[in-house]
């Protein structure tokens, strides 16, 4: 079982808005000792949304879906979820009650006048696929919905983020910190990835349960002078019982290749303008 997120909206793909959900779900999962397995961006195309959901419903993954659950012409997610499951949309009684509460709260006379076309139209936001469960929205009560292991919420971060946290804490508390994980890394200067590849392969072969990662950079002066040169963020992650030994093996291997090593904590402690040797 993996955790994934589907972020829906033309505005993300066109650049009119910048996605913030991906970094937030990573943060929420990390706080709970969980990890994100995959992410997908999908525009407001009903056929593509339906096909994507049909595929993910067929998996055992936990899936968060943001965007497109409103009641305007460009909102298709509720309908696509129903189509992917081959079930109809129905007005869910609990959702209807919550929407009417919200209408009453925002009405000048404090009541939900359902004779008004606008108010009746708002009830469409409570039409979910048959079998769906209401996903509470603490911001304005307009609910999302959950069906199987998929959780659908609005695209607005102020609503979606507390809903994500609620799902993780209510439905998946037993998965928190279930898999122990450790990670250690260094900045390596003066070596190419191709030079380091045999060392990385050897470590993964020697330590089952450990992965080696390599994140090269052509230089990023905005992060500080220490990062201005070409370097590689090189490290190991995985089983805490093995990461320490694998990391020592990594350090020894880089030293044997005459690479220059700077630990991230040392990089932060260097005075402004200080560069590693070789400059």
C-alpha atoms as a PDB file:
ATOM      1  CA  UNK A   1       0.000   0.000   0.000  1.00  0.00           C
ATOM      2  CA  UNK A   2       1.356   3.415  -0.997  1.00  0.00           C
ATOM      3  CA  UNK A   3       0.093   6.926  -0.327  1.00  0.00           C
ATOM      4  CA  UNK A   4      -0.544   9.069  -3.388  1.00  0.00           C
ATOM      5  CA  UNK A   5      -2.018  12.445  -4.250  1.00  0.00           C
ATOM      6  CA  UNK A   6      -3.906  13.596  -7.342  1.00  0.00           C
ATOM      7  CA  UNK A   7      -3.983  17.377  -7.773  1.00  0.00           C
ATOM      8  CA  UNK A   8      -6.701  18.473 -10.182  1.00  0.00           C
ATOM      9  CA  UNK A   9      -7.074  21.807 -11.952  1.00  0.00           C
ATOM     10  CA  UNK A  10      -6.262  23.587 -15.192  1.00  0.00           C
ATOM     11  CA  UNK A  11      -5.051  26.551 -13.153  1.00  0.00           C
ATOM     12  CA  UNK A  12      -2.115  24.485 -11.875  1.00  0.00           C
ATOM     13  CA  UNK A  13      -1.109  23.244 -15.317  1.00  0.00           C
ATOM     14  CA  UNK A  14      -1.412  26.714 -16.872  1.00  0.00           C
ATOM     15  CA  UNK A  15       0.628  28.361 -14.143  1.00  0.00           C
ATOM     16  CA  UNK A  16      -2.160  30.687 -13.007  1.00  0.00           C
ATOM     17  CA  UNK A  17      -1.730  29.180  -9.543  1.00  0.00           C
ATOM     18  CA  UNK A  18       1.220  27.455  -7.934  1.00  0.00           C
ATOM     19  CA  UNK A  19       0.541  24.092  -6.328  1.00  0.00           C
ATOM     20  CA  UNK A  20       1.154  23.967  -2.591  1.00  0.00           C
ATOM     21  CA  UNK A  21      -0.519  20.636  -1.838  1.00  0.00           C
ATOM     22  CA  UNK A  22       2.431  18.429  -2.757  1.00  0.00           C
ATOM     23  CA  UNK A  23       4.832  19.941  -0.234  1.00  0.00           C
ATOM     24  CA  UNK A  24       2.109  20.012   2.433  1.00  0.00           C
ATOM     25  CA  UNK A  25       1.127  16.352   2.100  1.00  0.00           C
ATOM     26  CA  UNK A  26       4.828  15.428   2.324  1.00  0.00           C
ATOM     27  CA  UNK A  27       5.066  17.489   5.514  1.00  0.00           C
ATOM     28  CA  UNK A  28       1.935  15.941   7.043  1.00  0.00           C
ATOM     29  CA  UNK A  29       3.070  12.425   6.212  1.00  0.00           C
ATOM     30  CA  UNK A  30       6.602  12.996   7.494  1.00  0.00           C
ATOM     31  CA  UNK A  31       5.239  14.227  10.834  1.00  0.00           C
ATOM     32  CA  UNK A  32       3.446  10.888  11.144  1.00  0.00           C
ATOM     33  CA  UNK A  33       6.315   8.694  10.035  1.00  0.00           C
ATOM     34  CA  UNK A  34       4.731   8.039   6.634  1.00  0.00           C
ATOM     35  CA  UNK A  35       5.961   8.684   3.103  1.00  0.00           C
ATOM     36  CA  UNK A  36       4.418   9.807  -0.168  1.00  0.00           C
ATOM     37  CA  UNK A  37       4.672   7.141  -2.855  1.00  0.00           C
ATOM     38  CA  UNK A  38       3.512   9.108  -5.902  1.00  0.00           C
ATOM     39  CA  UNK A  39       1.823  12.293  -7.137  1.00  0.00           C
ATOM     40  CA  UNK A  40      -0.070  13.210 -10.301  1.00  0.00           C
ATOM     41  CA  UNK A  41      -1.346  16.477 -11.766  1.00  0.00           C
ATOM     42  CA  UNK A  42      -4.486  16.332 -13.910  1.00  0.00           C
ATOM     43  CA  UNK A  43      -6.306  19.137 -15.725  1.00  0.00           C
ATOM     44  CA  UNK A  44     -10.061  19.690 -15.760  1.00  0.00           C
ATOM     45  CA  UNK A  45     -10.620  17.029 -18.404  1.00  0.00           C
ATOM     46  CA  UNK A  46     -13.436  14.639 -17.360  1.00  0.00           C
ATOM     47  CA  UNK A  47     -12.204  11.718 -19.458  1.00  0.00           C
ATOM     48  CA  UNK A  48      -8.675  11.967 -18.096  1.00  0.00           C
ATOM     49  CA  UNK A  49      -9.849  12.411 -14.508  1.00  0.00           C
ATOM     50  CA  UNK A  50     -12.145   9.393 -14.825  1.00  0.00           C
ATOM     51  CA  UNK A  51      -9.402   7.249 -16.351  1.00  0.00           C
ATOM     52  CA  UNK A  52      -6.957   8.280 -13.630  1.00  0.00           C
ATOM     53  CA  UNK A  53      -9.425   7.477 -10.853  1.00  0.00           C
ATOM     54  CA  UNK A  54     -10.436   4.186 -12.431  1.00  0.00           C
ATOM     55  CA  UNK A  55      -6.778   3.161 -12.359  1.00  0.00           C
ATOM     56  CA  UNK A  56      -6.158   4.286  -8.780  1.00  0.00           C
ATOM     57  CA  UNK A  57      -9.397   2.754  -7.478  1.00  0.00           C
ATOM     58  CA  UNK A  58      -8.112  -0.556  -8.833  1.00  0.00           C
ATOM     59  CA  UNK A  59      -5.041  -0.263  -6.592  1.00  0.00           C
ATOM     60  CA  UNK A  60      -4.803  -0.663  -2.826  1.00  0.00           C
ATOM     61  CA  UNK A  61      -3.264   2.782  -2.417  1.00  0.00           C
ATOM     62  CA  UNK A  62      -4.413   5.528  -0.077  1.00  0.00           C
ATOM     63  CA  UNK A  63      -5.185   8.446  -2.389  1.00  0.00           C
ATOM     64  CA  UNK A  64      -5.815  12.102  -1.623  1.00  0.00           C
ATOM     65  CA  UNK A  65      -7.582  14.062  -4.370  1.00  0.00           C
ATOM     66  CA  UNK A  66      -7.739  17.863  -4.345  1.00  0.00           C
ATOM     67  CA  UNK A  67      -9.833  20.140  -6.520  1.00  0.00           C
ATOM     68  CA  UNK A  68     -12.921  20.005  -8.694  1.00  0.00           C
ATOM     69  CA  UNK A  69     -15.569  19.053  -6.121  1.00  0.00           C
ATOM     70  CA  UNK A  70     -17.541  22.299  -6.361  1.00  0.00           C
ATOM     71  CA  UNK A  71     -20.703  22.890  -8.373  1.00  0.00           C
ATOM     72  CA  UNK A  72     -19.490  25.117 -11.214  1.00  0.00           C
ATOM     73  CA  UNK A  73     -19.192  23.931 -14.851  1.00  0.00           C
ATOM     74  CA  UNK A  74     -15.434  23.350 -14.550  1.00  0.00           C
ATOM     75  CA  UNK A  75     -15.807  21.088 -11.494  1.00  0.00           C
ATOM     76  CA  UNK A  76     -15.879  17.447 -12.623  1.00  0.00           C
ATOM     77  CA  UNK A  77     -14.295  15.411  -9.840  1.00  0.00           C
ATOM     78  CA  UNK A  78     -17.476  14.208  -8.122  1.00  0.00           C
ATOM     79  CA  UNK A  79     -18.984  13.064 -11.403  1.00  0.00           C
ATOM     80  CA  UNK A  80     -15.725  11.440 -12.525  1.00  0.00           C
ATOM     81  CA  UNK A  81     -15.373   9.527  -9.262  1.00  0.00           C
ATOM     82  CA  UNK A  82     -18.887   8.140  -9.724  1.00  0.00           C
ATOM     83  CA  UNK A  83     -18.140   7.235 -13.340  1.00  0.00           C
ATOM     84  CA  UNK A  84     -14.885   5.515 -12.340  1.00  0.00           C
ATOM     85  CA  UNK A  85     -16.807   3.421  -9.813  1.00  0.00           C
ATOM     86  CA  UNK A  86     -19.749   2.897 -12.174  1.00  0.00           C
ATOM     87  CA  UNK A  87     -22.239   4.189  -9.591  1.00  0.00           C
ATOM     88  CA  UNK A  88     -24.612   7.192  -9.610  1.00  0.00           C
ATOM     89  CA  UNK A  89     -24.270  10.444  -7.714  1.00  0.00           C
ATOM     90  CA  UNK A  90     -26.749  10.935  -4.880  1.00  0.00           C
ATOM     91  CA  UNK A  91     -27.380  13.767  -2.436  1.00  0.00           C
ATOM     92  CA  UNK A  92     -25.898  12.451   0.802  1.00  0.00           C
ATOM     93  CA  UNK A  93     -28.161  13.308   3.782  1.00  0.00           C
ATOM     94  CA  UNK A  94     -25.292  14.253   6.107  1.00  0.00           C
ATOM     95  CA  UNK A  95     -23.763  16.477   3.421  1.00  0.00           C
ATOM     96  CA  UNK A  96     -27.149  18.075   2.760  1.00  0.00           C
ATOM     97  CA  UNK A  97     -27.526  18.900   6.451  1.00  0.00           C
ATOM     98  CA  UNK A  98     -24.052  20.425   6.659  1.00  0.00           C
ATOM     99  CA  UNK A  99     -24.572  22.547   3.549  1.00  0.00           C
ATOM    100  CA  UNK A 100     -27.901  23.805   4.858  1.00  0.00           C
ATOM    101  CA  UNK A 101     -26.246  24.681   8.181  1.00  0.00           C
ATOM    102  CA  UNK A 102     -23.686  26.716   6.274  1.00  0.00           C
ATOM    103  CA  UNK A 103     -26.391  28.444   4.229  1.00  0.00           C
ATOM    104  CA  UNK A 104     -28.228  29.382   7.423  1.00  0.00           C
ATOM    105  CA  UNK A 105     -25.047  30.689   9.067  1.00  0.00           C
ATOM    106  CA  UNK A 106     -24.326  32.998   6.129  1.00  0.00           C
ATOM    107  CA  UNK A 107     -27.931  34.114   5.647  1.00  0.00           C
ATOM    108  CA  UNK A 108     -29.012  37.558   6.956  1.00  0.00           C
ATOM    109  CA  UNK A 109     -32.034  36.055   8.712  1.00  0.00           C
ATOM    110  CA  UNK A 110     -30.193  32.974   9.985  1.00  0.00           C
ATOM    111  CA  UNK A 111     -32.236  30.435   8.069  1.00  0.00           C
ATOM    112  CA  UNK A 112     -31.697  28.286   4.988  1.00  0.00           C
ATOM    113  CA  UNK A 113     -34.254  29.442   2.423  1.00  0.00           C
ATOM    114  CA  UNK A 114     -34.256  26.505   0.021  1.00  0.00           C
ATOM    115  CA  UNK A 115     -36.760  28.206  -2.268  1.00  0.00           C
ATOM    116  CA  UNK A 116     -33.874  30.283  -3.600  1.00  0.00           C
ATOM    117  CA  UNK A 117     -32.239  28.818  -6.760  1.00  0.00           C
ATOM    118  CA  UNK A 118     -28.737  29.653  -5.515  1.00  0.00           C
ATOM    119  CA  UNK A 119     -29.268  27.692  -2.313  1.00  0.00           C
ATOM    120  CA  UNK A 120     -30.743  24.705  -4.116  1.00  0.00           C
ATOM    121  CA  UNK A 121     -27.769  24.722  -6.488  1.00  0.00           C
ATOM    122  CA  UNK A 122     -25.348  24.636  -3.558  1.00  0.00           C
ATOM    123  CA  UNK A 123     -26.776  21.259  -2.564  1.00  0.00           C
ATOM    124  CA  UNK A 124     -25.055  19.794  -5.637  1.00  0.00           C
ATOM    125  CA  UNK A 125     -21.838  19.989  -3.617  1.00  0.00           C
ATOM    126  CA  UNK A 126     -23.348  17.260  -1.438  1.00  0.00           C
ATOM    127  CA  UNK A 127     -23.924  14.876  -4.342  1.00  0.00           C
ATOM    128  CA  UNK A 128     -21.390  12.090  -3.910  1.00  0.00           C
ATOM    129  CA  UNK A 129     -20.965   8.614  -5.425  1.00  0.00           C
ATOM    130  CA  UNK A 130     -23.199   6.004  -3.833  1.00  0.00           C
ATOM    131  CA  UNK A 131     -21.432   4.539  -0.819  1.00  0.00           C
ATOM    132  CA  UNK A 132     -19.290   7.617  -0.143  1.00  0.00           C
ATOM    133  CA  UNK A 133     -18.643   8.887   3.385  1.00  0.00           C
ATOM    134  CA  UNK A 134     -18.693  12.551   4.351  1.00  0.00           C
ATOM    135  CA  UNK A 135     -15.265  14.128   4.879  1.00  0.00           C
ATOM    136  CA  UNK A 136     -15.670  17.038   7.327  1.00  0.00           C
ATOM    137  CA  UNK A 137     -14.460  20.502   6.362  1.00  0.00           C
ATOM    138  CA  UNK A 138     -13.652  22.541   9.505  1.00  0.00           C
ATOM    139  CA  UNK A 139     -13.292  25.773   7.550  1.00  0.00           C
ATOM    140  CA  UNK A 140     -16.834  26.278   6.238  1.00  0.00           C
ATOM    141  CA  UNK A 141     -18.663  22.936   6.766  1.00  0.00           C
ATOM    142  CA  UNK A 142     -19.022  22.269   3.006  1.00  0.00           C
ATOM    143  CA  UNK A 143     -17.865  18.625   3.075  1.00  0.00           C
ATOM    144  CA  UNK A 144     -15.640  16.565   0.899  1.00  0.00           C
ATOM    145  CA  UNK A 145     -16.093  12.831   0.645  1.00  0.00           C
ATOM    146  CA  UNK A 146     -14.257   9.570   1.057  1.00  0.00           C
ATOM    147  CA  UNK A 147     -14.923   6.403  -0.868  1.00  0.00           C
ATOM    148  CA  UNK A 148     -12.892   3.254  -0.403  1.00  0.00           C
ATOM    149  CA  UNK A 149      -9.357   4.546   0.294  1.00  0.00           C
ATOM    150  CA  UNK A 150      -9.783   7.726  -1.773  1.00  0.00           C
ATOM    151  CA  UNK A 151     -10.347  11.065  -0.066  1.00  0.00           C
ATOM    152  CA  UNK A 152     -11.703  14.008  -2.053  1.00  0.00           C
ATOM    153  CA  UNK A 153     -11.384  17.594  -0.860  1.00  0.00           C
ATOM    154  CA  UNK A 154     -11.468  21.143  -2.228  1.00  0.00           C
ATOM    155  CA  UNK A 155      -8.477  22.703  -3.922  1.00  0.00           C
ATOM    156  CA  UNK A 156      -8.250  25.521  -1.366  1.00  0.00           C
ATOM    157  CA  UNK A 157      -5.322  24.872   1.013  1.00  0.00           C
ATOM    158  CA  UNK A 158      -7.155  26.441   3.964  1.00  0.00           C
ATOM    159  CA  UNK A 159      -9.760  23.687   3.607  1.00  0.00           C
ATOM    160  CA  UNK A 160      -7.768  20.800   2.160  1.00  0.00           C
ATOM    161  CA  UNK A 161      -4.870  20.757   4.601  1.00  0.00           C
ATOM    162  CA  UNK A 162      -6.854  20.257   7.831  1.00  0.00           C
ATOM    163  CA  UNK A 163      -8.963  17.687   5.976  1.00  0.00           C
ATOM    164  CA  UNK A 164      -5.805  15.781   4.989  1.00  0.00           C
ATOM    165  CA  UNK A 165      -4.606  15.824   8.593  1.00  0.00           C
ATOM    166  CA  UNK A 166      -8.014  14.630   9.838  1.00  0.00           C
ATOM    167  CA  UNK A 167      -7.995  11.684   7.428  1.00  0.00           C
ATOM    168  CA  UNK A 168      -4.475  10.666   8.416  1.00  0.00           C
ATOM    169  CA  UNK A 169      -5.260  10.848  12.126  1.00  0.00           C
ATOM    170  CA  UNK A 170      -8.745   9.331  11.974  1.00  0.00           C
ATOM    171  CA  UNK A 171      -8.480   6.629   9.317  1.00  0.00           C
ATOM    172  CA  UNK A 172      -4.788   5.719   9.348  1.00  0.00           C
ATOM    173  CA  UNK A 173      -3.489   6.238  12.868  1.00  0.00           C
ATOM    174  CA  UNK A 174      -2.336   2.619  12.910  1.00  0.00           C
ATOM    175  CA  UNK A 175       0.064   3.405  10.058  1.00  0.00           C
ATOM    176  CA  UNK A 176       1.832   6.232  11.877  1.00  0.00           C
ATOM    177  CA  UNK A 177       5.513   5.487  12.412  1.00  0.00           C
ATOM    178  CA  UNK A 178       4.876   1.917  11.326  1.00  0.00           C
ATOM    179  CA  UNK A 179       7.984   1.792   9.174  1.00  0.00           C
ATOM    180  CA  UNK A 180      11.166   2.919  10.850  1.00  0.00           C
ATOM    181  CA  UNK A 181      13.240   5.173   8.643  1.00  0.00           C
ATOM    182  CA  UNK A 182      16.591   6.926   8.920  1.00  0.00           C
ATOM    183  CA  UNK A 183      18.528   9.102   6.509  1.00  0.00           C
ATOM    184  CA  UNK A 184      22.052  10.552   6.471  1.00  0.00           C
ATOM    185  CA  UNK A 185      23.811  12.526   3.764  1.00  0.00           C
ATOM    186  CA  UNK A 186      26.819  14.678   2.918  1.00  0.00           C
ATOM    187  CA  UNK A 187      27.741  17.181   0.231  1.00  0.00           C
ATOM    188  CA  UNK A 188      30.382  15.782  -2.107  1.00  0.00           C
ATOM    189  CA  UNK A 189      32.594  18.063  -4.216  1.00  0.00           C
ATOM    190  CA  UNK A 190      35.020  17.143  -6.970  1.00  0.00           C
ATOM    191  CA  UNK A 191      33.440  13.862  -8.117  1.00  0.00           C
ATOM    192  CA  UNK A 192      31.019  13.020 -10.918  1.00  0.00           C
ATOM    193  CA  UNK A 193      27.964  10.823 -10.429  1.00  0.00           C
ATOM    194  CA  UNK A 194      29.397   8.302 -12.867  1.00  0.00           C
ATOM    195  CA  UNK A 195      32.433   7.956 -10.617  1.00  0.00           C
ATOM    196  CA  UNK A 196      30.230   7.384  -7.578  1.00  0.00           C
ATOM    197  CA  UNK A 197      27.832   4.935  -9.220  1.00  0.00           C
ATOM    198  CA  UNK A 198      29.864   1.735  -8.547  1.00  0.00           C
ATOM    199  CA  UNK A 199      30.156   2.727  -4.882  1.00  0.00           C
ATOM    200  CA  UNK A 200      26.391   3.343  -4.664  1.00  0.00           C
ATOM    201  CA  UNK A 201      25.617  -0.005  -6.279  1.00  0.00           C
ATOM    202  CA  UNK A 202      28.021  -1.815  -3.947  1.00  0.00           C
ATOM    203  CA  UNK A 203      26.443  -0.295  -0.831  1.00  0.00           C
ATOM    204  CA  UNK A 204      22.919  -1.253  -1.906  1.00  0.00           C
ATOM    205  CA  UNK A 205      24.140  -4.786  -2.595  1.00  0.00           C
ATOM    206  CA  UNK A 206      25.859  -5.025   0.797  1.00  0.00           C
ATOM    207  CA  UNK A 207      23.042  -3.523   2.875  1.00  0.00           C
ATOM    208  CA  UNK A 208      19.642  -4.942   2.023  1.00  0.00           C
ATOM    209  CA  UNK A 209      17.026  -2.449   3.180  1.00  0.00           C
ATOM    210  CA  UNK A 210      19.148   0.616   2.423  1.00  0.00           C
ATOM    211  CA  UNK A 211      18.870   2.871  -0.611  1.00  0.00           C
ATOM    212  CA  UNK A 212      21.563   5.263  -1.776  1.00  0.00           C
ATOM    213  CA  UNK A 213      20.497   8.595  -3.238  1.00  0.00           C
ATOM    214  CA  UNK A 214      22.411  11.111  -5.318  1.00  0.00           C
ATOM    215  CA  UNK A 215      21.141  14.634  -5.992  1.00  0.00           C
ATOM    216  CA  UNK A 216      23.571  16.546  -8.222  1.00  0.00           C
ATOM    217  CA  UNK A 217      23.621  20.343  -8.409  1.00  0.00           C
ATOM    218  CA  UNK A 218      25.377  22.631 -10.871  1.00  0.00           C
ATOM    219  CA  UNK A 219      25.630  25.157  -8.055  1.00  0.00           C
ATOM    220  CA  UNK A 220      23.098  27.220  -6.136  1.00  0.00           C
ATOM    221  CA  UNK A 221      24.557  30.392  -4.675  1.00  0.00           C
ATOM    222  CA  UNK A 222      21.163  31.407  -3.262  1.00  0.00           C
ATOM    223  CA  UNK A 223      21.489  28.651  -0.673  1.00  0.00           C
ATOM    224  CA  UNK A 224      24.827  30.090   0.462  1.00  0.00           C
ATOM    225  CA  UNK A 225      28.428  30.236  -0.671  1.00  0.00           C
ATOM    226  CA  UNK A 226      29.125  26.632   0.273  1.00  0.00           C
ATOM    227  CA  UNK A 227      26.579  25.489  -2.330  1.00  0.00           C
ATOM    228  CA  UNK A 228      27.840  27.702  -5.158  1.00  0.00           C
ATOM    229  CA  UNK A 229      30.159  25.049  -6.629  1.00  0.00           C
ATOM    230  CA  UNK A 230      28.997  21.935  -8.420  1.00  0.00           C
ATOM    231  CA  UNK A 231      28.296  19.272  -5.827  1.00  0.00           C
ATOM    232  CA  UNK A 232      26.291  16.153  -5.083  1.00  0.00           C
ATOM    233  CA  UNK A 233      23.995  15.638  -2.125  1.00  0.00           C
ATOM    234  CA  UNK A 234      24.891  11.997  -1.492  1.00  0.00           C
ATOM    235  CA  UNK A 235      23.348   9.840   1.175  1.00  0.00           C
ATOM    236  CA  UNK A 236      21.723   6.655   2.398  1.00  0.00           C
ATOM    237  CA  UNK A 237      18.226   6.027   3.732  1.00  0.00           C
ATOM    238  CA  UNK A 238      16.190   3.108   5.004  1.00  0.00           C
ATOM    239  CA  UNK A 239      16.394   0.680   7.936  1.00  0.00           C
ATOM    240  CA  UNK A 240      17.808   2.609  10.952  1.00  0.00           C
ATOM    241  CA  UNK A 241      19.683  -0.506  12.065  1.00  0.00           C
ATOM    242  CA  UNK A 242      21.699  -0.457   8.838  1.00  0.00           C
ATOM    243  CA  UNK A 243      21.911   3.200   7.872  1.00  0.00           C
ATOM    244  CA  UNK A 244      24.778   4.003  10.270  1.00  0.00           C
ATOM    245  CA  UNK A 245      27.078   1.284   8.900  1.00  0.00           C
ATOM    246  CA  UNK A 246      26.062   2.017   5.302  1.00  0.00           C
ATOM    247  CA  UNK A 247      26.824   5.706   5.839  1.00  0.00           C
ATOM    248  CA  UNK A 248      30.295   4.948   7.177  1.00  0.00           C
ATOM    249  CA  UNK A 249      30.877   2.729   4.146  1.00  0.00           C
ATOM    250  CA  UNK A 250      29.769   5.624   1.937  1.00  0.00           C
ATOM    251  CA  UNK A 251      32.141   8.074   3.595  1.00  0.00           C
ATOM    252  CA  UNK A 252      35.037   5.640   3.301  1.00  0.00           C
ATOM    253  CA  UNK A 253      34.263   5.088  -0.364  1.00  0.00           C
ATOM    254  CA  UNK A 254      34.148   8.817  -1.159  1.00  0.00           C
ATOM    255  CA  UNK A 255      37.436   9.347   0.660  1.00  0.00           C
ATOM    256  CA  UNK A 256      38.998   6.506  -1.331  1.00  0.00           C
ATOM    257  CA  UNK A 257      37.936   8.306  -4.518  1.00  0.00           C
ATOM    258  CA  UNK A 258      39.552  11.524  -3.227  1.00  0.00           C
ATOM    259  CA  UNK A 259      36.240  13.317  -3.065  1.00  0.00           C
ATOM    260  CA  UNK A 260      35.750  16.359  -0.850  1.00  0.00           C
ATOM    261  CA  UNK A 261      33.112  15.955   1.852  1.00  0.00           C
ATOM    262  CA  UNK A 262      31.184  18.633   3.710  1.00  0.00           C
ATOM    263  CA  UNK A 263      28.520  17.585   6.212  1.00  0.00           C
ATOM    264  CA  UNK A 264      25.312  19.668   6.023  1.00  0.00           C
ATOM    265  CA  UNK A 265      25.697  20.737   9.666  1.00  0.00           C
ATOM    266  CA  UNK A 266      29.228  21.954   8.909  1.00  0.00           C
ATOM    267  CA  UNK A 267      27.958  23.847   5.872  1.00  0.00           C
ATOM    268  CA  UNK A 268      25.479  25.737   8.046  1.00  0.00           C
ATOM    269  CA  UNK A 269      28.218  26.600  10.541  1.00  0.00           C
ATOM    270  CA  UNK A 270      30.663  28.025   7.992  1.00  0.00           C
ATOM    271  CA  UNK A 271      31.054  31.821   8.069  1.00  0.00           C
ATOM    272  CA  UNK A 272      29.311  33.790   5.332  1.00  0.00           C
ATOM    273  CA  UNK A 273      31.348  33.755   2.136  1.00  0.00           C
ATOM    274  CA  UNK A 274      33.389  30.696   3.113  1.00  0.00           C
ATOM    275  CA  UNK A 275      33.891  28.178   0.333  1.00  0.00           C
ATOM    276  CA  UNK A 276      35.126  24.612   0.623  1.00  0.00           C
ATOM    277  CA  UNK A 277      38.746  24.014  -0.329  1.00  0.00           C
ATOM    278  CA  UNK A 278      39.599  23.898  -3.982  1.00  0.00           C
ATOM    279  CA  UNK A 279      38.322  27.415  -4.766  1.00  0.00           C
END
